[in-house]
Amino acid sequence: MTEREVYEVLMIEEADAWFEYLEATREKMPNRYDELEPWAWARLNQRLRLVRRRRAKLPPAAAA
């Protein structure tokens, strides 16, 4: 897999993390939202940190 392909996979993974957050919090009853949102936000941040860490290991040209 080329560096460019790895970068694209990381972009897809980042988008997937956001979609997971939206799916977990969308259209929930208000009391259920209050339970789920902190978990969903923590999970999103965890996944985004992982993506950023992997992206930082790539050479700058891969992001172009």
Protein backbone atom coordinates (compact mmCIF):
# COMPACT_ATOMS: atom_id res chain seq x y z
CA MET A 1 0.00 0.00 0.00
CA THR A 2 1.40 3.40 -0.94
CA GLU A 3 1.64 6.28 1.49
CA ARG A 4 -1.13 8.07 -0.39
CA GLU A 5 -3.41 5.05 -0.02
CA VAL A 6 -2.64 4.88 3.70
CA TYR A 7 -3.54 8.57 4.01
CA GLU A 8 -6.83 7.96 2.18
CA VAL A 9 -7.65 5.00 4.45
CA LEU A 10 -7.03 7.24 7.47
CA MET A 11 -9.38 9.87 6.02
CA ILE A 12 -12.05 7.19 5.62
CA GLU A 13 -11.46 6.01 9.18
CA GLU A 14 -11.84 9.57 10.45
CA ALA A 15 -15.13 9.96 8.60
CA ASP A 16 -16.29 6.60 9.94
CA ALA A 17 -15.58 7.79 13.49
CA TRP A 18 -17.79 10.83 12.95
CA PHE A 19 -20.56 8.70 11.45
CA GLU A 20 -20.39 6.35 14.43
CA TYR A 21 -20.79 9.34 16.76
CA LEU A 22 -23.76 10.66 14.78
CA GLU A 23 -25.42 7.26 14.65
CA ALA A 24 -25.00 6.79 18.40
CA THR A 25 -26.51 10.18 19.27
CA ARG A 26 -29.04 10.87 16.53
CA GLU A 27 -32.75 10.58 17.24
CA LYS A 28 -32.37 9.32 20.79
CA MET A 29 -34.91 10.07 23.47
CA PRO A 30 -33.64 12.98 25.62
CA ASN A 31 -32.92 10.83 28.67
CA ARG A 32 -31.11 8.23 26.55
CA TYR A 33 -29.10 10.94 24.75
CA ASP A 34 -27.75 12.16 28.09
CA GLU A 35 -26.48 8.65 28.78
CA LEU A 36 -25.02 7.98 25.35
CA GLU A 37 -23.49 11.31 24.34
CA PRO A 38 -20.55 11.31 26.81
CA TRP A 39 -19.64 7.77 25.74
CA ALA A 40 -20.00 8.63 22.05
CA TRP A 41 -17.88 11.77 22.44
CA ALA A 42 -15.14 9.90 24.30
CA ARG A 43 -15.15 7.15 21.66
CA LEU A 44 -14.96 9.73 18.86
CA ASN A 45 -12.02 11.50 20.48
CA GLN A 46 -10.23 8.21 21.06
CA ARG A 47 -10.60 7.24 17.40
CA LEU A 48 -9.57 10.69 16.15
CA ARG A 49 -6.44 10.66 18.33
CA LEU A 50 -5.49 7.30 16.82
CA VAL A 51 -6.01 8.61 13.29
CA ARG A 52 -3.94 11.74 14.04
CA ARG A 53 -1.16 9.63 15.53
CA ARG A 54 -1.04 7.39 12.46
CA ARG A 55 -1.22 10.38 10.11
CA ALA A 56 1.69 12.05 11.93
CA LYS A 57 3.88 9.06 11.10
CA LEU A 58 3.33 9.61 7.37
CA PRO A 59 5.71 11.81 5.40
CA PRO A 60 4.27 15.27 4.56
CA ALA A 61 4.08 14.43 0.84
CA ALA A 62 1.49 11.73 1.53
CA ALA A 63 -0.97 14.36 2.73
CA ALA A 64 -0.72 16.36 -0.49
